[in-house]
Amino acid sequence: MNDNLLNFIGWILFVISSLCFIISSIGNFWAMGGSIFFFLACIVFLIPYFKKRN
């Protein structure tokens, strides 16, 4: 496995983890806010994997 694939798999696991945190924080405003920010941060770090490279 190359490093890019390993990093991508790691970020996918972080996204799954953040979705689980969102589900578990239903009903708690501050926990939900933190979970959503965690999810958005994971998505931002995944953007370079989907941009076209020259």
C-alpha atoms as a PDB file:
ATOM      1  CA  MET A   1       0.000   0.000   0.000  1.00  0.00           C
ATOM      2  CA  ASN A   2       1.340   3.418  -0.822  1.00  0.00           C
ATOM      3  CA  ASP A   3       1.252   6.368   1.569  1.00  0.00           C
ATOM      4  CA  ASN A   4      -1.548   8.216  -0.252  1.00  0.00           C
ATOM      5  CA  LEU A   5      -3.892   5.248  -0.029  1.00  0.00           C
ATOM      6  CA  LEU A   6      -3.067   4.714   3.626  1.00  0.00           C
ATOM      7  CA  ASN A   7      -3.709   8.395   4.410  1.00  0.00           C
ATOM      8  CA  PHE A   8      -6.990   8.292   2.477  1.00  0.00           C
ATOM      9  CA  ILE A   9      -8.164   5.215   4.401  1.00  0.00           C
ATOM     10  CA  GLY A  10      -7.259   6.967   7.657  1.00  0.00           C
ATOM     11  CA  TRP A  11      -9.324  10.019   6.738  1.00  0.00           C
ATOM     12  CA  ILE A  12     -12.279   7.831   5.757  1.00  0.00           C
ATOM     13  CA  LEU A  13     -12.092   6.233   9.209  1.00  0.00           C
ATOM     14  CA  PHE A  14     -12.069   9.704  10.770  1.00  0.00           C
ATOM     15  CA  VAL A  15     -15.182  10.632   8.760  1.00  0.00           C
ATOM     16  CA  ILE A  16     -16.961   7.472   9.939  1.00  0.00           C
ATOM     17  CA  SER A  17     -15.910   8.275  13.505  1.00  0.00           C
ATOM     18  CA  SER A  18     -17.230  11.827  13.210  1.00  0.00           C
ATOM     19  CA  LEU A  19     -20.567  10.556  11.896  1.00  0.00           C
ATOM     20  CA  CYS A  20     -20.810   8.242  14.908  1.00  0.00           C
ATOM     21  CA  PHE A  21     -20.080  11.185  17.213  1.00  0.00           C
ATOM     22  CA  ILE A  22     -22.850  13.180  15.519  1.00  0.00           C
ATOM     23  CA  ILE A  23     -25.314  10.340  16.025  1.00  0.00           C
ATOM     24  CA  SER A  24     -24.312   9.874  19.666  1.00  0.00           C
ATOM     25  CA  SER A  25     -24.605  13.600  20.439  1.00  0.00           C
ATOM     26  CA  ILE A  26     -28.233  13.966  19.335  1.00  0.00           C
ATOM     27  CA  GLY A  27     -29.982  15.993  22.007  1.00  0.00           C
ATOM     28  CA  ASN A  28     -26.869  17.754  23.322  1.00  0.00           C
ATOM     29  CA  PHE A  29     -26.298  21.102  21.616  1.00  0.00           C
ATOM     30  CA  TRP A  30     -22.605  21.617  22.445  1.00  0.00           C
ATOM     31  CA  ALA A  31     -21.594  18.041  21.713  1.00  0.00           C
ATOM     32  CA  MET A  32     -23.469  18.214  18.403  1.00  0.00           C
ATOM     33  CA  GLY A  33     -21.687  21.460  17.497  1.00  0.00           C
ATOM     34  CA  GLY A  34     -18.293  19.959  18.219  1.00  0.00           C
ATOM     35  CA  SER A  35     -19.149  16.815  16.296  1.00  0.00           C
ATOM     36  CA  ILE A  36     -20.232  18.808  13.251  1.00  0.00           C
ATOM     37  CA  PHE A  37     -17.021  20.870  13.320  1.00  0.00           C
ATOM     38  CA  PHE A  38     -15.012  17.638  13.564  1.00  0.00           C
ATOM     39  CA  PHE A  39     -16.881  16.249  10.540  1.00  0.00           C
ATOM     40  CA  LEU A  40     -16.319  19.435   8.520  1.00  0.00           C
ATOM     41  CA  ALA A  41     -12.610  19.416   9.366  1.00  0.00           C
ATOM     42  CA  CYS A  42     -12.328  15.836   8.113  1.00  0.00           C
ATOM     43  CA  ILE A  43     -14.040  16.803   4.851  1.00  0.00           C
ATOM     44  CA  VAL A  44     -11.691  19.773   4.393  1.00  0.00           C
ATOM     45  CA  PHE A  45      -8.664  17.503   4.800  1.00  0.00           C
ATOM     46  CA  LEU A  46     -10.136  15.104   2.201  1.00  0.00           C
ATOM     47  CA  ILE A  47     -10.555  17.791  -0.492  1.00  0.00           C
ATOM     48  CA  PRO A  48      -6.985  17.408  -1.877  1.00  0.00           C
ATOM     49  CA  TYR A  49      -7.674  13.726  -2.604  1.00  0.00           C
ATOM     50  CA  PHE A  50     -10.484  14.656  -4.981  1.00  0.00           C
ATOM     51  CA  LYS A  51      -8.861  17.611  -6.765  1.00  0.00           C
ATOM     52  CA  LYS A  52      -7.373  16.929 -10.179  1.00  0.00           C
ATOM     53  CA  ARG A  53      -3.614  16.874 -10.257  1.00  0.00           C
ATOM     54  CA  ASN A  54      -1.635  18.194 -13.205  1.00  0.00           C
END
